[in-house]
């Protein structure tokens, strides 16, 4: 049995083009690029996805060993990374919103180790992040992301134009969602806690001798948990709205 090198080399080119785009996406995309997942598992996912998507890279890009091919691979890596970064901003916005709720509840000092960021994070921010990650998986977001990546090889074939200035500006402009989305997530609970703080301000004016720190802290935390429980009903809707904007931008980046 002989191995046909003439057949192997084009297939290897397709695999490398798919590997570059998939690697960029899995580098920053939530779930796929989570640092809590062992490196071998993440590498295996990237290789398996590249093998599955390699037949879709049916264009005739330049040779990967040439200078133009190396630049093309870097462009494919940038396209995948930009797509994953857009989706990551949605998760970061929700986590930031949870941190704002924690600050309003006087729980800003409650922090846990964040293995994803390599530092500490607000405990409520981590709680919101776990919730939206489970929502993302329950709504088949990971399968939708793989399908979007597969369709991109038809709408934006390898060897074509990579991420241009307009695409880069759109990604940077989407960074505004990090703050707008955080406010959207945290607004119901923060509004309720603002009313509580206004009530404490009125009590402070009526009874200046009262130790509001000793009385107000447990009341704020208790009412904060109630407001948090009630506001969780709006979390799926806010997350879905943020995801909708992210999917629209990701389709634009991938030529859809």
Protein backbone atom coordinates (compact mmCIF):
# COMPACT_ATOMS: atom_id res chain seq x y z
CA UNK A 1 0.00 0.00 0.00
CA UNK A 2 1.48 3.31 -1.09
CA UNK A 3 0.66 6.74 0.26
CA UNK A 4 -0.29 9.30 -2.34
CA UNK A 5 1.63 12.42 -1.36
CA UNK A 6 -0.14 14.45 -4.02
CA UNK A 7 -3.43 13.80 -2.21
CA UNK A 8 -1.98 14.29 1.27
CA UNK A 9 -0.47 17.75 0.76
CA UNK A 10 -3.73 19.53 -0.27
CA UNK A 11 -5.54 17.88 2.63
CA UNK A 12 -2.78 19.00 5.00
CA UNK A 13 -3.14 22.57 3.69
CA UNK A 14 -6.86 22.49 4.41
CA UNK A 15 -6.23 21.14 7.88
CA UNK A 16 -3.73 23.90 8.69
CA UNK A 17 -6.11 26.62 7.46
CA UNK A 18 -8.92 25.19 9.57
CA UNK A 19 -6.57 24.74 12.53
CA UNK A 20 -5.59 28.41 12.48
CA UNK A 21 -9.19 29.66 12.57
CA UNK A 22 -10.33 27.11 15.15
CA UNK A 23 -7.29 27.80 17.38
CA UNK A 24 -7.99 31.52 17.39
CA UNK A 25 -11.61 30.93 18.35
CA UNK A 26 -10.85 28.43 21.11
CA UNK A 27 -8.14 30.69 22.48
CA UNK A 28 -10.62 33.30 23.76
CA UNK A 29 -14.13 31.88 23.43
CA UNK A 30 -15.91 31.02 26.68
CA UNK A 31 -16.21 27.33 27.58
CA UNK A 32 -13.78 26.32 24.80
CA UNK A 33 -10.95 28.47 26.14
CA UNK A 34 -11.61 28.06 29.87
CA UNK A 35 -8.33 27.69 31.73
CA UNK A 36 -9.96 25.28 34.20
CA UNK A 37 -10.10 22.71 31.38
CA UNK A 38 -6.81 20.77 31.10
CA UNK A 39 -4.56 21.83 28.26
CA UNK A 40 -4.59 18.37 26.69
CA UNK A 41 -8.38 18.38 26.55
CA UNK A 42 -8.47 21.83 24.94
CA UNK A 43 -5.80 20.79 22.44
CA UNK A 44 -7.76 17.65 21.62
CA UNK A 45 -10.94 19.68 21.02
CA UNK A 46 -9.06 22.03 18.68
CA UNK A 47 -7.55 19.14 16.68
CA UNK A 48 -10.87 17.26 16.43
CA UNK A 49 -12.76 20.36 15.31
CA UNK A 50 -10.05 21.14 12.76
CA UNK A 51 -10.23 17.60 11.36
CA UNK A 52 -14.00 17.83 11.06
CA UNK A 53 -13.99 21.30 9.48
CA UNK A 54 -10.96 20.79 7.21
CA UNK A 55 -13.03 19.45 4.24
CA UNK A 56 -15.02 22.70 4.29
CA UNK A 57 -11.88 24.74 3.55
CA UNK A 58 -12.30 23.99 -0.16
CA UNK A 59 -10.77 27.20 -1.49
CA UNK A 60 -7.33 27.35 -3.09
CA UNK A 61 -5.36 29.62 -0.77
CA UNK A 62 -1.62 30.16 -1.18
CA UNK A 63 0.81 27.54 -0.01
CA UNK A 64 1.06 27.62 3.79
CA UNK A 65 4.85 27.35 3.60
CA UNK A 66 5.14 30.57 1.58
CA UNK A 67 5.29 34.08 3.02
CA UNK A 68 1.78 34.82 1.80
CA UNK A 69 0.58 31.57 3.36
CA UNK A 70 2.09 32.47 6.75
CA UNK A 71 0.40 35.86 6.65
CA UNK A 72 -2.84 34.16 5.68
CA UNK A 73 -2.60 31.78 8.65
CA UNK A 74 -2.03 34.75 10.96
CA UNK A 75 -5.12 36.40 9.46
CA UNK A 76 -7.21 33.27 10.08
CA UNK A 77 -5.95 33.19 13.65
CA UNK A 78 -6.95 36.84 14.10
CA UNK A 79 -10.44 36.18 12.69
CA UNK A 80 -11.03 33.32 15.11
CA UNK A 81 -9.63 35.27 18.06
CA UNK A 82 -11.79 38.31 17.29
CA UNK A 83 -14.89 36.12 17.09
CA UNK A 84 -14.12 34.46 20.42
CA UNK A 85 -13.32 37.83 22.00
CA UNK A 86 -16.75 39.21 21.07
CA UNK A 87 -18.49 36.33 22.82
CA UNK A 88 -16.15 36.61 25.79
CA UNK A 89 -17.19 40.25 26.26
CA UNK A 90 -20.78 39.10 26.83
CA UNK A 91 -19.73 36.79 29.66
CA UNK A 92 -17.45 39.46 31.13
CA UNK A 93 -20.33 41.96 31.07
CA UNK A 94 -22.53 39.60 33.07
CA UNK A 95 -19.73 38.94 35.54
CA UNK A 96 -19.11 42.67 35.89
CA UNK A 97 -22.82 43.20 36.51
CA UNK A 98 -22.76 40.60 39.27
CA UNK A 99 -19.86 42.46 40.83
CA UNK A 100 -21.90 45.67 40.78
CA UNK A 101 -24.71 43.90 42.59
CA UNK A 102 -22.23 42.66 45.18
CA UNK A 103 -20.95 46.19 45.72
CA UNK A 104 -24.51 47.43 46.24
CA UNK A 105 -25.10 44.67 48.81
CA UNK A 106 -21.96 45.68 50.75
CA UNK A 107 -20.34 42.41 49.68
CA UNK A 108 -17.54 43.98 47.69
CA UNK A 109 -15.00 42.49 50.10
CA UNK A 110 -16.26 38.93 49.43
CA UNK A 111 -13.88 37.62 46.80
CA UNK A 112 -12.91 34.22 45.48
CA UNK A 113 -10.07 33.02 43.29
CA UNK A 114 -10.91 33.35 39.60
CA UNK A 115 -8.93 30.66 37.73
CA UNK A 116 -9.99 32.10 34.39
CA UNK A 117 -8.49 35.55 35.04
CA UNK A 118 -5.70 34.31 37.30
CA UNK A 119 -6.68 36.58 40.19
CA UNK A 120 -9.50 37.34 42.59
CA UNK A 121 -13.07 38.25 41.63
CA UNK A 122 -16.26 39.23 43.39
CA UNK A 123 -18.14 36.18 44.60
CA UNK A 124 -21.44 37.35 43.11
CA UNK A 125 -19.70 38.04 39.81
CA UNK A 126 -18.49 34.44 39.77
CA UNK A 127 -22.01 33.27 40.67
CA UNK A 128 -23.47 35.15 37.71
CA UNK A 129 -20.71 33.79 35.46
CA UNK A 130 -21.52 30.20 36.42
CA UNK A 131 -25.23 30.82 35.79
CA UNK A 132 -24.76 32.26 32.30
CA UNK A 133 -22.28 29.51 31.41
CA UNK A 134 -24.92 26.94 32.28
CA UNK A 135 -27.50 28.95 30.31
CA UNK A 136 -25.13 29.07 27.34
CA UNK A 137 -24.71 25.30 27.37
CA UNK A 138 -28.43 24.66 27.98
CA UNK A 139 -29.34 26.82 24.98
CA UNK A 140 -26.83 24.87 22.82
CA UNK A 141 -24.67 27.95 22.42
CA UNK A 142 -21.55 25.82 21.97
CA UNK A 143 -23.18 23.92 19.09
CA UNK A 144 -24.37 27.17 17.58
CA UNK A 145 -20.83 28.51 17.73
CA UNK A 146 -19.44 25.43 15.99
CA UNK A 147 -22.14 25.73 13.30
CA UNK A 148 -21.26 29.40 12.79
CA UNK A 149 -17.60 28.46 12.43
CA UNK A 150 -18.47 25.76 9.89
CA UNK A 151 -20.58 28.18 7.82
CA UNK A 152 -17.75 30.73 7.87
CA UNK A 153 -15.60 28.56 5.59
CA UNK A 154 -18.20 29.09 2.88
CA UNK A 155 -18.91 32.77 3.49
CA UNK A 156 -15.29 33.69 4.27
CA UNK A 157 -13.03 31.08 2.64
CA UNK A 158 -9.35 30.80 3.67
CA UNK A 159 -6.99 32.89 1.62
CA UNK A 160 -9.51 35.67 1.27
CA UNK A 161 -9.52 39.05 3.03
CA UNK A 162 -8.84 38.80 6.74
CA UNK A 163 -9.94 41.11 9.54
CA UNK A 164 -9.92 44.63 8.11
CA UNK A 165 -10.00 48.01 9.81
CA UNK A 166 -13.80 48.12 9.80
CA UNK A 167 -14.02 44.72 11.47
CA UNK A 168 -11.44 45.70 14.07
CA UNK A 169 -13.31 48.93 14.79
CA UNK A 170 -16.58 46.98 15.18
CA UNK A 171 -14.93 44.66 17.72
CA UNK A 172 -13.55 47.59 19.70
CA UNK A 173 -16.89 49.41 19.56
CA UNK A 174 -18.58 46.31 20.91
CA UNK A 175 -16.49 46.77 24.06
CA UNK A 176 -19.10 49.32 25.12
CA UNK A 177 -21.33 46.31 25.78
CA UNK A 178 -19.06 45.42 28.68
CA UNK A 179 -20.44 48.40 30.62
CA UNK A 180 -23.90 48.70 29.08
CA UNK A 181 -24.53 44.99 29.52
CA UNK A 182 -23.30 45.07 33.10
CA UNK A 183 -25.76 47.84 33.93
CA UNK A 184 -28.55 45.93 32.18
CA UNK A 185 -27.84 42.84 34.27
CA UNK A 186 -27.39 44.65 37.60
CA UNK A 187 -30.04 47.36 37.25
CA UNK A 188 -33.03 45.53 38.86
CA UNK A 189 -31.13 44.58 42.02
CA UNK A 190 -29.23 47.88 42.21
CA UNK A 191 -32.48 49.87 41.93
CA UNK A 192 -34.03 47.95 44.82
CA UNK A 193 -30.95 48.42 46.97
CA UNK A 194 -30.85 52.12 46.12
CA UNK A 195 -34.32 52.49 47.62
CA UNK A 196 -33.09 50.72 50.76
CA UNK A 197 -30.11 53.07 51.05
CA UNK A 198 -32.36 56.09 50.60
CA UNK A 199 -34.48 54.77 53.46
CA UNK A 200 -31.39 54.46 55.66
CA UNK A 201 -30.45 58.03 54.76
CA UNK A 202 -33.86 59.22 55.95
CA UNK A 203 -33.48 57.22 59.19
CA UNK A 204 -30.04 58.74 59.70
CA UNK A 205 -31.50 62.23 59.48
CA UNK A 206 -34.34 61.37 61.87
CA UNK A 207 -32.16 59.54 64.43
CA UNK A 208 -28.53 60.71 64.18
CA UNK A 209 -27.52 58.79 67.28
CA UNK A 210 -28.42 55.41 65.76
CA UNK A 211 -25.46 53.24 64.73
CA UNK A 212 -26.50 52.62 61.13
CA UNK A 213 -23.43 50.52 60.38
CA UNK A 214 -24.37 47.91 62.96
CA UNK A 215 -28.04 47.99 62.01
CA UNK A 216 -27.92 48.72 58.31
CA UNK A 217 -25.28 46.19 57.24
CA UNK A 218 -27.25 43.01 58.08
CA UNK A 219 -30.47 44.56 56.77
CA UNK A 220 -28.78 45.56 53.50
CA UNK A 221 -27.31 42.09 53.02
CA UNK A 222 -30.60 40.37 53.83
CA UNK A 223 -32.68 42.59 51.57
CA UNK A 224 -29.95 42.34 48.95
CA UNK A 225 -30.31 38.57 48.76
CA UNK A 226 -34.07 38.97 48.35
CA UNK A 227 -33.55 41.51 45.57
CA UNK A 228 -30.95 39.21 44.01
CA UNK A 229 -33.37 36.29 44.05
CA UNK A 230 -36.11 38.35 42.42
CA UNK A 231 -33.80 39.91 39.83
CA UNK A 232 -32.49 36.53 38.63
CA UNK A 233 -35.70 36.18 36.63
CA UNK A 234 -34.51 38.93 34.31
CA UNK A 235 -31.03 37.47 33.86
CA UNK A 236 -31.88 35.07 30.98
CA UNK A 237 -33.54 37.87 29.02
CA UNK A 238 -30.62 40.26 29.51
CA UNK A 239 -28.14 37.53 28.59
CA UNK A 240 -30.13 36.63 25.48
CA UNK A 241 -30.20 40.29 24.38
CA UNK A 242 -26.44 40.59 24.80
CA UNK A 243 -25.94 37.31 22.95
CA UNK A 244 -28.11 38.55 20.08
CA UNK A 245 -25.85 41.55 19.51
CA UNK A 246 -22.77 39.32 19.79
CA UNK A 247 -24.05 36.77 17.24
CA UNK A 248 -24.85 39.57 14.79
CA UNK A 249 -21.32 40.95 15.05
CA UNK A 250 -19.73 37.49 14.84
CA UNK A 251 -21.65 36.73 11.63
CA UNK A 252 -20.42 40.05 10.23
CA UNK A 253 -16.83 39.20 11.10
CA UNK A 254 -17.14 35.76 9.50
CA UNK A 255 -18.64 37.11 6.31
CA UNK A 256 -22.24 36.11 7.07
